[in-house]
PDB file of all heavy atoms in Angstrom:
ATOM      1  N   MET A   1       8.173   4.801  -2.757  1.00  0.00           N
ATOM      2  CA  MET A   1       7.022   5.663  -2.537  1.00  0.00           C
ATOM      3  C   MET A   1       5.854   5.326  -3.351  1.00  0.00           C
ATOM      4  O   MET A   1       4.747   5.294  -2.834  1.00  0.00           O
ATOM      5  CB  MET A   1       7.507   7.117  -2.800  1.00  0.00           C
ATOM      6  CG  MET A   1       8.582   7.644  -1.843  1.00  0.00           C
ATOM      7  SD  MET A   1       8.975   9.360  -1.948  1.00  0.00           S
ATOM      8  CE  MET A   1       9.902   9.410  -3.492  1.00  0.00           C
ATOM      9  N   ALA A   2       6.093   5.098  -4.618  1.00  0.00           N
ATOM     10  CA  ALA A   2       4.996   4.755  -5.524  1.00  0.00           C
ATOM     11  C   ALA A   2       4.364   3.390  -5.122  1.00  0.00           C
ATOM     12  O   ALA A   2       3.172   3.254  -5.184  1.00  0.00           O
ATOM     13  CB  ALA A   2       5.427   4.754  -6.966  1.00  0.00           C
ATOM     14  N   GLY A   3       5.209   2.453  -4.730  1.00  0.00           N
ATOM     15  CA  GLY A   3       4.736   1.118  -4.328  1.00  0.00           C
ATOM     16  C   GLY A   3       3.805   1.160  -3.161  1.00  0.00           C
ATOM     17  O   GLY A   3       2.804   0.421  -3.114  1.00  0.00           O
ATOM     18  N   ILE A   4       4.139   1.989  -2.195  1.00  0.00           N
ATOM     19  CA  ILE A   4       3.222   2.112  -0.979  1.00  0.00           C
ATOM     20  C   ILE A   4       1.857   2.639  -1.420  1.00  0.00           C
ATOM     21  O   ILE A   4       0.849   2.135  -0.978  1.00  0.00           O
ATOM     22  CB  ILE A   4       3.956   3.054   0.029  1.00  0.00           C
ATOM     23  CG1 ILE A   4       5.184   2.261   0.690  1.00  0.00           C
ATOM     24  CG2 ILE A   4       2.894   3.466   1.129  1.00  0.00           C
ATOM     25  CD1 ILE A   4       6.027   3.164   1.573  1.00  0.00           C
ATOM     26  N   TYR A   5       1.883   3.643  -2.235  1.00  0.00           N
ATOM     27  CA  TYR A   5       0.615   4.271  -2.638  1.00  0.00           C
ATOM     28  C   TYR A   5      -0.171   3.346  -3.599  1.00  0.00           C
ATOM     29  O   TYR A   5      -1.365   3.281  -3.567  1.00  0.00           O
ATOM     30  CB  TYR A   5       0.842   5.623  -3.300  1.00  0.00           C
ATOM     31  CG  TYR A   5       0.899   6.788  -2.291  1.00  0.00           C
ATOM     32  CD1 TYR A   5       2.061   7.088  -1.655  1.00  0.00           C
ATOM     33  CD2 TYR A   5      -0.267   7.465  -2.032  1.00  0.00           C
ATOM     34  CE1 TYR A   5       2.148   8.043  -0.725  1.00  0.00           C
ATOM     35  CE2 TYR A   5      -0.203   8.540  -1.091  1.00  0.00           C
ATOM     36  CZ  TYR A   5       1.000   8.842  -0.390  1.00  0.00           C
ATOM     37  OH  TYR A   5       1.059   9.787   0.541  1.00  0.00           O
ATOM     38  N   ARG A   6       0.584   2.591  -4.415  1.00  0.00           N
ATOM     39  CA  ARG A   6      -0.093   1.693  -5.272  1.00  0.00           C
ATOM     40  C   ARG A   6      -0.755   0.605  -4.491  1.00  0.00           C
ATOM     41  O   ARG A   6      -1.889   0.114  -4.882  1.00  0.00           O
ATOM     42  CB  ARG A   6       0.975   1.112  -6.317  1.00  0.00           C
ATOM     43  CG  ARG A   6       0.386   0.600  -7.584  1.00  0.00           C
ATOM     44  CD  ARG A   6       1.462   0.076  -8.455  1.00  0.00           C
ATOM     45  NE  ARG A   6       1.053  -0.113  -9.799  1.00  0.00           N
ATOM     46  CZ  ARG A   6       1.775  -0.704 -10.795  1.00  0.00           C
ATOM     47  NH1 ARG A   6       3.013  -1.107 -10.452  1.00  0.00           N
ATOM     48  NH2 ARG A   6       1.285  -0.899 -11.992  1.00  0.00           N
ATOM     49  N   ARG A   7      -0.150   0.074  -3.517  1.00  0.00           N
ATOM     50  CA  ARG A   7      -0.851  -0.990  -2.663  1.00  0.00           C
ATOM     51  C   ARG A   7      -1.987  -0.401  -1.925  1.00  0.00           C
ATOM     52  O   ARG A   7      -2.995  -1.030  -1.699  1.00  0.00           O
ATOM     53  CB  ARG A   7       0.243  -1.568  -1.709  1.00  0.00           C
ATOM     54  CG  ARG A   7       1.228  -2.388  -2.382  1.00  0.00           C
ATOM     55  CD  ARG A   7       2.247  -2.955  -1.406  1.00  0.00           C
ATOM     56  NE  ARG A   7       1.659  -3.985  -0.545  1.00  0.00           N
ATOM     57  CZ  ARG A   7       1.542  -5.291  -0.893  1.00  0.00           C
ATOM     58  NH1 ARG A   7       2.026  -5.676  -2.050  1.00  0.00           N
ATOM     59  NH2 ARG A   7       1.019  -6.173  -0.048  1.00  0.00           N
ATOM     60  N   LEU A   8      -1.837   0.852  -1.514  1.00  0.00           N
ATOM     61  CA  LEU A   8      -3.002   1.544  -0.860  1.00  0.00           C
ATOM     62  C   LEU A   8      -4.140   1.633  -1.825  1.00  0.00           C
ATOM     63  O   LEU A   8      -5.325   1.382  -1.508  1.00  0.00           O
ATOM     64  CB  LEU A   8      -2.536   2.896  -0.419  1.00  0.00           C
ATOM     65  CG  LEU A   8      -3.633   3.806   0.241  1.00  0.00           C
ATOM     66  CD1 LEU A   8      -4.127   3.161   1.534  1.00  0.00           C
ATOM     67  CD2 LEU A   8      -3.009   5.178   0.518  1.00  0.00           C
ATOM     68  N   LEU A   9      -3.844   1.961  -3.069  1.00  0.00           N
ATOM     69  CA  LEU A   9      -4.922   2.069  -4.104  1.00  0.00           C
ATOM     70  C   LEU A   9      -5.560   0.707  -4.302  1.00  0.00           C
ATOM     71  O   LEU A   9      -6.807   0.608  -4.493  1.00  0.00           O
ATOM     72  CB  LEU A   9      -4.336   2.559  -5.424  1.00  0.00           C
ATOM     73  CG  LEU A   9      -5.275   2.687  -6.572  1.00  0.00           C
ATOM     74  CD1 LEU A   9      -6.284   3.836  -6.342  1.00  0.00           C
ATOM     75  CD2 LEU A   9      -4.552   2.950  -7.893  1.00  0.00           C
ATOM     76  N   ALA A  10      -4.774  -0.382  -4.386  1.00  0.00           N
ATOM     77  CA  ALA A  10      -5.292  -1.729  -4.562  1.00  0.00           C
ATOM     78  C   ALA A  10      -6.239  -2.048  -3.410  1.00  0.00           C
ATOM     79  O   ALA A  10      -7.312  -2.716  -3.656  1.00  0.00           O
ATOM     80  CB  ALA A  10      -4.205  -2.719  -4.694  1.00  0.00           C
ATOM     81  N   ARG A  11      -5.913  -1.678  -2.197  1.00  0.00           N
ATOM     82  CA  ARG A  11      -6.742  -1.933  -1.085  1.00  0.00           C
ATOM     83  C   ARG A  11      -8.059  -1.157  -1.180  1.00  0.00           C
ATOM     84  O   ARG A  11      -9.106  -1.702  -0.833  1.00  0.00           O
ATOM     85  CB  ARG A  11      -5.943  -1.512   0.219  1.00  0.00           C
ATOM     86  CG  ARG A  11      -6.648  -1.892   1.500  1.00  0.00           C
ATOM     87  CD  ARG A  11      -5.709  -1.897   2.679  1.00  0.00           C
ATOM     88  NE  ARG A  11      -4.634  -2.899   2.499  1.00  0.00           N
ATOM     89  CZ  ARG A  11      -3.700  -3.156   3.400  1.00  0.00           C
ATOM     90  NH1 ARG A  11      -3.705  -2.526   4.622  1.00  0.00           N
ATOM     91  NH2 ARG A  11      -2.806  -4.072   3.196  1.00  0.00           N
ATOM     92  N   ILE A  12      -7.972   0.082  -1.671  1.00  0.00           N
ATOM     93  CA  ILE A  12      -9.252   0.855  -1.873  1.00  0.00           C
ATOM     94  C   ILE A  12     -10.160   0.201  -2.924  1.00  0.00           C
ATOM     95  O   ILE A  12     -11.300   0.075  -2.759  1.00  0.00           O
ATOM     96  CB  ILE A  12      -8.871   2.277  -2.240  1.00  0.00           C
ATOM     97  CG1 ILE A  12      -8.276   3.002  -1.012  1.00  0.00           C
ATOM     98  CG2 ILE A  12     -10.121   3.056  -2.694  1.00  0.00           C
ATOM     99  CD1 ILE A  12      -7.679   4.337  -1.319  1.00  0.00           C
ATOM    100  N   ALA A  13      -9.476  -0.193  -4.036  1.00  0.00           N
ATOM    101  CA  ALA A  13     -10.217  -0.794  -5.164  1.00  0.00           C
ATOM    102  C   ALA A  13     -10.911  -2.095  -4.709  1.00  0.00           C
ATOM    103  O   ALA A  13     -11.999  -2.450  -5.102  1.00  0.00           O
ATOM    104  CB  ALA A  13      -9.351  -1.053  -6.292  1.00  0.00           C
ATOM    105  N   ALA A  14     -10.284  -2.906  -3.817  1.00  0.00           N
ATOM    106  CA  ALA A  14     -10.788  -4.143  -3.405  1.00  0.00           C
ATOM    107  C   ALA A  14     -11.931  -3.884  -2.417  1.00  0.00           C
ATOM    108  O   ALA A  14     -12.890  -4.771  -2.352  1.00  0.00           O
ATOM    109  CB  ALA A  14      -9.711  -4.926  -2.634  1.00  0.00           C
ATOM    110  N   ASP A  15     -11.951  -2.866  -1.690  1.00  0.00           N
ATOM    111  CA  ASP A  15     -13.014  -2.561  -0.695  1.00  0.00           C
ATOM    112  C   ASP A  15     -13.323  -1.060  -0.684  1.00  0.00           C
ATOM    113  O   ASP A  15     -12.949  -0.290   0.151  1.00  0.00           O
ATOM    114  CB  ASP A  15     -12.612  -2.970   0.725  1.00  0.00           C
ATOM    115  CG  ASP A  15     -13.656  -2.735   1.747  1.00  0.00           C
ATOM    116  OD1 ASP A  15     -14.831  -2.462   1.370  1.00  0.00           O
ATOM    117  OD2 ASP A  15     -13.381  -2.890   2.964  1.00  0.00           O
ATOM    118  N   PRO A  16     -14.028  -0.666  -1.790  1.00  0.00           N
ATOM    119  CA  PRO A  16     -14.277   0.777  -1.947  1.00  0.00           C
ATOM    120  C   PRO A  16     -14.917   1.533  -0.757  1.00  0.00           C
ATOM    121  O   PRO A  16     -14.707   2.689  -0.497  1.00  0.00           O
ATOM    122  CB  PRO A  16     -15.150   0.949  -3.188  1.00  0.00           C
ATOM    123  CG  PRO A  16     -14.769  -0.340  -3.962  1.00  0.00           C
ATOM    124  CD  PRO A  16     -14.536  -1.393  -2.878  1.00  0.00           C
ATOM    125  N   LEU A  17     -15.819   0.819  -0.111  1.00  0.00           N
ATOM    126  CA  LEU A  17     -16.578   1.476   0.992  1.00  0.00           C
ATOM    127  C   LEU A  17     -15.676   1.697   2.255  1.00  0.00           C
ATOM    128  O   LEU A  17     -16.041   2.450   3.154  1.00  0.00           O
ATOM    129  CB  LEU A  17     -17.807   0.652   1.421  1.00  0.00           C
ATOM    130  CG  LEU A  17     -18.898   0.613   0.388  1.00  0.00           C
ATOM    131  CD1 LEU A  17     -20.100  -0.210   0.888  1.00  0.00           C
ATOM    132  CD2 LEU A  17     -19.352   1.935  -0.053  1.00  0.00           C
ATOM    133  N   ALA A  18     -14.490   1.079   2.276  1.00  0.00           N
ATOM    134  CA  ALA A  18     -13.542   1.360   3.366  1.00  0.00           C
ATOM    135  C   ALA A  18     -13.257   2.818   3.503  1.00  0.00           C
ATOM    136  O   ALA A  18     -13.039   3.298   4.649  1.00  0.00           O
ATOM    137  CB  ALA A  18     -12.329   0.506   3.182  1.00  0.00           C
ATOM    138  N   VAL A  19     -13.181   3.516   2.409  1.00  0.00           N
ATOM    139  CA  VAL A  19     -12.845   4.951   2.488  1.00  0.00           C
ATOM    140  C   VAL A  19     -13.938   5.814   3.121  1.00  0.00           C
ATOM    141  O   VAL A  19     -13.675   6.916   3.558  1.00  0.00           O
ATOM    142  CB  VAL A  19     -12.495   5.518   1.095  1.00  0.00           C
ATOM    143  CG1 VAL A  19     -11.292   4.826   0.485  1.00  0.00           C
ATOM    144  CG2 VAL A  19     -13.674   5.566   0.173  1.00  0.00           C
ATOM    145  N   THR A  20     -15.117   5.180   3.255  1.00  0.00           N
ATOM    146  CA  THR A  20     -16.215   5.975   3.865  1.00  0.00           C
ATOM    147  C   THR A  20     -16.214   5.775   5.424  1.00  0.00           C
ATOM    148  O   THR A  20     -17.022   6.368   6.095  1.00  0.00           O
ATOM    149  CB  THR A  20     -17.607   5.480   3.293  1.00  0.00           C
ATOM    150  OG1 THR A  20     -17.884   4.184   3.711  1.00  0.00           O
ATOM    151  CG2 THR A  20     -17.592   5.548   1.838  1.00  0.00           C
ATOM    152  N   HIS A  21     -15.376   4.792   5.847  1.00  0.00           N
ATOM    153  CA  HIS A  21     -15.432   4.559   7.350  1.00  0.00           C
ATOM    154  C   HIS A  21     -14.258   5.093   8.016  1.00  0.00           C
ATOM    155  O   HIS A  21     -14.165   5.149   9.305  1.00  0.00           O
ATOM    156  CB  HIS A  21     -15.395   3.023   7.549  1.00  0.00           C
ATOM    157  CG  HIS A  21     -16.540   2.324   6.879  1.00  0.00           C
ATOM    158  ND1 HIS A  21     -17.810   2.758   6.970  1.00  0.00           N
ATOM    159  CD2 HIS A  21     -16.560   1.197   6.075  1.00  0.00           C
ATOM    160  CE1 HIS A  21     -18.644   1.930   6.258  1.00  0.00           C
ATOM    161  NE2 HIS A  21     -17.872   0.975   5.713  1.00  0.00           N
ATOM    162  N   GLY A  22     -13.231   5.599   7.272  1.00  0.00           N
ATOM    163  CA  GLY A  22     -12.004   6.156   7.919  1.00  0.00           C
ATOM    164  C   GLY A  22     -10.847   6.093   6.934  1.00  0.00           C
ATOM    165  O   GLY A  22     -11.036   5.608   5.838  1.00  0.00           O
ATOM    166  N   ARG A  23      -9.747   6.668   7.368  1.00  0.00           N
ATOM    167  CA  ARG A  23      -8.576   6.805   6.377  1.00  0.00           C
ATOM    168  C   ARG A  23      -8.014   5.331   6.282  1.00  0.00           C
ATOM    169  O   ARG A  23      -7.624   4.684   7.239  1.00  0.00           O
ATOM    170  CB  ARG A  23      -7.531   7.706   6.966  1.00  0.00           C
ATOM    171  CG  ARG A  23      -6.260   7.701   6.129  1.00  0.00           C
ATOM    172  CD  ARG A  23      -5.326   8.841   6.520  1.00  0.00           C
ATOM    173  NE  ARG A  23      -5.734  10.097   6.098  1.00  0.00           N
ATOM    174  CZ  ARG A  23      -4.896  11.120   5.860  1.00  0.00           C
ATOM    175  NH1 ARG A  23      -3.593  10.965   6.157  1.00  0.00           N
ATOM    176  NH2 ARG A  23      -5.304  12.275   5.419  1.00  0.00           N
ATOM    177  N   VAL A  24      -7.921   4.831   4.980  1.00  0.00           N
ATOM    178  CA  VAL A  24      -7.298   3.614   4.693  1.00  0.00           C
ATOM    179  C   VAL A  24      -5.787   3.809   4.695  1.00  0.00           C
ATOM    180  O   VAL A  24      -5.290   4.732   4.095  1.00  0.00           O
ATOM    181  CB  VAL A  24      -7.739   3.119   3.334  1.00  0.00           C
ATOM    182  CG1 VAL A  24      -7.080   1.761   2.976  1.00  0.00           C
ATOM    183  CG2 VAL A  24      -9.281   2.933   3.275  1.00  0.00           C
ATOM    184  N   SER A  25      -5.038   2.892   5.358  1.00  0.00           N
ATOM    185  CA  SER A  25      -3.592   3.059   5.395  1.00  0.00           C
ATOM    186  C   SER A  25      -3.002   1.699   5.447  1.00  0.00           C
ATOM    187  O   SER A  25      -3.641   0.653   5.610  1.00  0.00           O
ATOM    188  CB  SER A  25      -3.188   3.842   6.594  1.00  0.00           C
ATOM    189  OG  SER A  25      -3.543   3.176   7.783  1.00  0.00           O
ATOM    190  N   LEU A  26      -1.614   1.611   5.233  1.00  0.00           N
ATOM    191  CA  LEU A  26      -0.861   0.342   5.301  1.00  0.00           C
ATOM    192  C   LEU A  26      -0.141   0.311   6.667  1.00  0.00           C
ATOM    193  O   LEU A  26       0.321   1.401   7.114  1.00  0.00           O
ATOM    194  CB  LEU A  26       0.141   0.274   4.161  1.00  0.00           C
ATOM    195  CG  LEU A  26      -0.395   0.341   2.721  1.00  0.00           C
ATOM    196  CD1 LEU A  26       0.779   0.162   1.781  1.00  0.00           C
ATOM    197  CD2 LEU A  26      -1.429  -0.732   2.422  1.00  0.00           C
ATOM    198  N   PRO A  27      -0.038  -0.816   7.260  1.00  0.00           N
ATOM    199  CA  PRO A  27       0.775  -0.880   8.461  1.00  0.00           C
ATOM    200  C   PRO A  27       2.273  -0.632   8.129  1.00  0.00           C
ATOM    201  O   PRO A  27       2.722  -0.894   7.040  1.00  0.00           O
ATOM    202  CB  PRO A  27       0.606  -2.300   8.952  1.00  0.00           C
ATOM    203  CG  PRO A  27       0.139  -3.069   7.731  1.00  0.00           C
ATOM    204  CD  PRO A  27      -0.578  -2.062   6.903  1.00  0.00           C
ATOM    205  N   GLY A  28       3.002  -0.176   9.174  1.00  0.00           N
ATOM    206  CA  GLY A  28       4.445   0.137   8.960  1.00  0.00           C
ATOM    207  C   GLY A  28       5.249  -0.977   8.389  1.00  0.00           C
ATOM    208  O   GLY A  28       6.072  -0.820   7.565  1.00  0.00           O
ATOM    209  N   ARG A  29       4.942  -2.204   8.917  1.00  0.00           N
ATOM    210  CA  ARG A  29       5.711  -3.330   8.453  1.00  0.00           C
ATOM    211  C   ARG A  29       5.502  -3.607   6.943  1.00  0.00           C
ATOM    212  O   ARG A  29       6.499  -4.024   6.259  1.00  0.00           O
ATOM    213  CB  ARG A  29       5.377  -4.588   9.233  1.00  0.00           C
ATOM    214  CG  ARG A  29       3.896  -5.080   9.101  1.00  0.00           C
ATOM    215  CD  ARG A  29       3.705  -6.315   9.975  1.00  0.00           C
ATOM    216  NE  ARG A  29       2.257  -6.737   9.819  1.00  0.00           N
ATOM    217  CZ  ARG A  29       1.209  -6.244  10.449  1.00  0.00           C
ATOM    218  NH1 ARG A  29       1.422  -5.212  11.334  1.00  0.00           N
ATOM    219  NH2 ARG A  29       0.003  -6.634  10.272  1.00  0.00           N
ATOM    220  N   GLU A  30       4.350  -3.337   6.464  1.00  0.00           N
ATOM    221  CA  GLU A  30       4.061  -3.500   5.039  1.00  0.00           C
ATOM    222  C   GLU A  30       4.799  -2.423   4.191  1.00  0.00           C
ATOM    223  O   GLU A  30       5.353  -2.735   3.123  1.00  0.00           O
ATOM    224  CB  GLU A  30       2.587  -3.483   4.723  1.00  0.00           C
ATOM    225  CG  GLU A  30       2.305  -3.813   3.234  1.00  0.00           C
ATOM    226  CD  GLU A  30       0.762  -3.925   3.027  1.00  0.00           C
ATOM    227  OE1 GLU A  30      -0.048  -3.991   4.000  1.00  0.00           O
ATOM    228  OE2 GLU A  30       0.352  -4.137   1.874  1.00  0.00           O
ATOM    229  N   LYS A  31       4.813  -1.223   4.710  1.00  0.00           N
ATOM    230  CA  LYS A  31       5.574  -0.149   4.038  1.00  0.00           C
ATOM    231  C   LYS A  31       7.035  -0.470   4.023  1.00  0.00           C
ATOM    232  O   LYS A  31       7.731  -0.314   2.971  1.00  0.00           O
ATOM    233  CB  LYS A  31       5.373   1.153   4.733  1.00  0.00           C
ATOM    234  CG  LYS A  31       3.938   1.713   4.742  1.00  0.00           C
ATOM    235  CD  LYS A  31       3.786   2.993   5.552  1.00  0.00           C
ATOM    236  CE  LYS A  31       2.389   3.451   5.619  1.00  0.00           C
ATOM    237  NZ  LYS A  31       2.199   4.679   6.431  1.00  0.00           N
ATOM    238  N   ALA A  32       7.623  -0.953   5.090  1.00  0.00           N
ATOM    239  CA  ALA A  32       9.027  -1.314   5.135  1.00  0.00           C
ATOM    240  C   ALA A  32       9.276  -2.489   4.146  1.00  0.00           C
ATOM    241  O   ALA A  32      10.379  -2.541   3.530  1.00  0.00           O
ATOM    242  CB  ALA A  32       9.362  -1.753   6.567  1.00  0.00           C
ATOM    243  N   TRP A  33       8.323  -3.426   4.005  1.00  0.00           N
ATOM    244  CA  TRP A  33       8.496  -4.568   3.039  1.00  0.00           C
ATOM    245  C   TRP A  33       8.565  -4.024   1.662  1.00  0.00           C
ATOM    246  O   TRP A  33       9.356  -4.432   0.847  1.00  0.00           O
ATOM    247  CB  TRP A  33       7.313  -5.523   3.283  1.00  0.00           C
ATOM    248  CG  TRP A  33       7.336  -6.701   2.302  1.00  0.00           C
ATOM    249  CD1 TRP A  33       8.029  -7.816   2.414  1.00  0.00           C
ATOM    250  CD2 TRP A  33       6.513  -6.857   1.190  1.00  0.00           C
ATOM    251  NE1 TRP A  33       7.773  -8.673   1.334  1.00  0.00           N
ATOM    252  CE2 TRP A  33       6.848  -8.115   0.590  1.00  0.00           C
ATOM    253  CE3 TRP A  33       5.582  -6.014   0.529  1.00  0.00           C
ATOM    254  CZ2 TRP A  33       6.221  -8.480  -0.608  1.00  0.00           C
ATOM    255  CZ3 TRP A  33       4.990  -6.447  -0.627  1.00  0.00           C
ATOM    256  CH2 TRP A  33       5.291  -7.723  -1.163  1.00  0.00           C
ATOM    257  N   VAL A  34       7.683  -3.110   1.256  1.00  0.00           N
ATOM    258  CA  VAL A  34       7.690  -2.497  -0.043  1.00  0.00           C
ATOM    259  C   VAL A  34       8.972  -1.716  -0.281  1.00  0.00           C
ATOM    260  O   VAL A  34       9.516  -1.952  -1.400  1.00  0.00           O
ATOM    261  CB  VAL A  34       6.472  -1.536  -0.168  1.00  0.00           C
ATOM    262  CG1 VAL A  34       6.606  -0.700  -1.468  1.00  0.00           C
ATOM    263  CG2 VAL A  34       5.149  -2.212  -0.083  1.00  0.00           C
ATOM    264  N   ALA A  35       9.522  -1.000   0.718  1.00  0.00           N
ATOM    265  CA  ALA A  35      10.758  -0.345   0.512  1.00  0.00           C
ATOM    266  C   ALA A  35      11.919  -1.333   0.389  1.00  0.00           C
ATOM    267  O   ALA A  35      12.780  -1.082  -0.551  1.00  0.00           O
ATOM    268  CB  ALA A  35      11.024   0.536   1.668  1.00  0.00           C
ATOM    269  N   ALA A  36      11.915  -2.387   1.049  1.00  0.00           N
ATOM    270  CA  ALA A  36      12.971  -3.374   0.945  1.00  0.00           C
ATOM    271  C   ALA A  36      12.972  -4.018  -0.485  1.00  0.00           C
ATOM    272  O   ALA A  36      14.025  -4.199  -1.105  1.00  0.00           O
ATOM    273  CB  ALA A  36      12.830  -4.457   1.965  1.00  0.00           C
ATOM    274  N   ARG A  37      11.770  -4.340  -0.974  1.00  0.00           N
ATOM    275  CA  ARG A  37      11.605  -4.892  -2.265  1.00  0.00           C
ATOM    276  C   ARG A  37      12.116  -3.919  -3.395  1.00  0.00           C
ATOM    277  O   ARG A  37      12.704  -4.257  -4.377  1.00  0.00           O
ATOM    278  CB  ARG A  37      10.204  -5.322  -2.549  1.00  0.00           C
ATOM    279  CG  ARG A  37       9.872  -6.621  -1.852  1.00  0.00           C
ATOM    280  CD  ARG A  37       8.349  -6.949  -1.941  1.00  0.00           C
ATOM    281  NE  ARG A  37       7.983  -7.124  -3.362  1.00  0.00           N
ATOM    282  CZ  ARG A  37       8.096  -8.305  -4.032  1.00  0.00           C
ATOM    283  NH1 ARG A  37       8.620  -9.330  -3.382  1.00  0.00           N
ATOM    284  NH2 ARG A  37       7.746  -8.504  -5.282  1.00  0.00           N
ATOM    285  N   ALA A  38      11.830  -2.650  -3.137  1.00  0.00           N
ATOM    286  CA  ALA A  38      12.236  -1.597  -4.044  1.00  0.00           C
ATOM    287  C   ALA A  38      13.774  -1.502  -4.185  1.00  0.00           C
ATOM    288  O   ALA A  38      14.291  -1.278  -5.292  1.00  0.00           O
ATOM    289  CB  ALA A  38      11.621  -0.174  -3.678  1.00  0.00           C
ATOM    290  N   LEU A  39      14.389  -1.723  -3.051  1.00  0.00           N
ATOM    291  CA  LEU A  39      15.875  -1.552  -3.030  1.00  0.00           C
ATOM    292  C   LEU A  39      16.523  -2.706  -3.853  1.00  0.00           C
ATOM    293  O   LEU A  39      17.557  -2.476  -4.390  1.00  0.00           O
ATOM    294  CB  LEU A  39      16.379  -1.673  -1.569  1.00  0.00           C
ATOM    295  CG  LEU A  39      17.817  -1.297  -1.330  1.00  0.00           C
ATOM    296  CD1 LEU A  39      18.108   0.141  -1.833  1.00  0.00           C
ATOM    297  CD2 LEU A  39      18.152  -1.300   0.129  1.00  0.00           C
ATOM    298  N   VAL A  40      15.868  -3.809  -4.005  1.00  0.00           N
ATOM    299  CA  VAL A  40      16.418  -4.915  -4.771  1.00  0.00           C
ATOM    300  C   VAL A  40      15.742  -4.997  -6.176  1.00  0.00           C
ATOM    301  O   VAL A  40      15.929  -5.943  -6.875  1.00  0.00           O
ATOM    302  CB  VAL A  40      16.331  -6.298  -4.081  1.00  0.00           C
ATOM    303  CG1 VAL A  40      17.091  -6.232  -2.766  1.00  0.00           C
ATOM    304  CG2 VAL A  40      14.856  -6.633  -3.773  1.00  0.00           C
ATOM    305  N   GLY A  41      15.038  -3.884  -6.535  1.00  0.00           N
ATOM    306  CA  GLY A  41      14.533  -3.798  -7.842  1.00  0.00           C
ATOM    307  C   GLY A  41      13.195  -4.502  -8.107  1.00  0.00           C
ATOM    308  O   GLY A  41      12.859  -4.673  -9.266  1.00  0.00           O
ATOM    309  N   ARG A  42      12.465  -4.816  -7.021  1.00  0.00           N
ATOM    310  CA  ARG A  42      11.150  -5.491  -7.204  1.00  0.00           C
ATOM    311  C   ARG A  42      10.069  -4.451  -7.014  1.00  0.00           C
ATOM    312  O   ARG A  42      10.023  -3.794  -5.957  1.00  0.00           O
ATOM    313  CB  ARG A  42      10.970  -6.622  -6.185  1.00  0.00           C
ATOM    314  CG  ARG A  42      12.046  -7.706  -6.284  1.00  0.00           C
ATOM    315  CD  ARG A  42      11.886  -8.490  -7.589  1.00  0.00           C
ATOM    316  NE  ARG A  42      10.605  -9.246  -7.630  1.00  0.00           N
ATOM    317  CZ  ARG A  42      10.457 -10.444  -7.041  1.00  0.00           C
ATOM    318  NH1 ARG A  42      11.502 -10.995  -6.397  1.00  0.00           N
ATOM    319  NH2 ARG A  42       9.369 -11.038  -7.088  1.00  0.00           N
ATOM    320  N   THR A  43       9.241  -4.292  -7.975  1.00  0.00           N
ATOM    321  CA  THR A  43       8.164  -3.230  -7.887  1.00  0.00           C
ATOM    322  C   THR A  43       6.759  -3.790  -7.723  1.00  0.00           C
ATOM    323  O   THR A  43       5.762  -3.059  -7.729  1.00  0.00           O
ATOM    324  CB  THR A  43       8.198  -2.325  -9.075  1.00  0.00           C
ATOM    325  OG1 THR A  43       7.975  -2.995 -10.330  1.00  0.00           O
ATOM    326  CG2 THR A  43       9.567  -1.566  -9.138  1.00  0.00           C
ATOM    327  N   ARG A  44       6.622  -5.088  -7.738  1.00  0.00           N
ATOM    328  CA  ARG A  44       5.312  -5.710  -7.605  1.00  0.00           C
ATOM    329  C   ARG A  44       5.226  -6.549  -6.365  1.00  0.00           C
ATOM    330  O   ARG A  44       6.258  -7.145  -5.970  1.00  0.00           O
ATOM    331  CB  ARG A  44       5.014  -6.594  -8.910  1.00  0.00           C
ATOM    332  CG  ARG A  44       4.864  -5.865 -10.153  1.00  0.00           C
ATOM    333  CD  ARG A  44       3.470  -5.356 -10.233  1.00  0.00           C
ATOM    334  NE  ARG A  44       3.243  -4.714 -11.551  1.00  0.00           N
ATOM    335  CZ  ARG A  44       2.072  -4.187 -11.973  1.00  0.00           C
ATOM    336  NH1 ARG A  44       1.045  -4.303 -11.172  1.00  0.00           N
ATOM    337  NH2 ARG A  44       1.945  -3.623 -13.110  1.00  0.00           N
TER     338      ARG A  44
END
């Protein structure tokens, strides 16, 4: 859960004006990838 939001934050920091054009989000496959890494103890 934290990893998904942390990657979302990194995306916002990289392109701050993106938040002025619409809701910034991660694709489902990227969220699933973060969850899979979390299950094996990888948080970065």
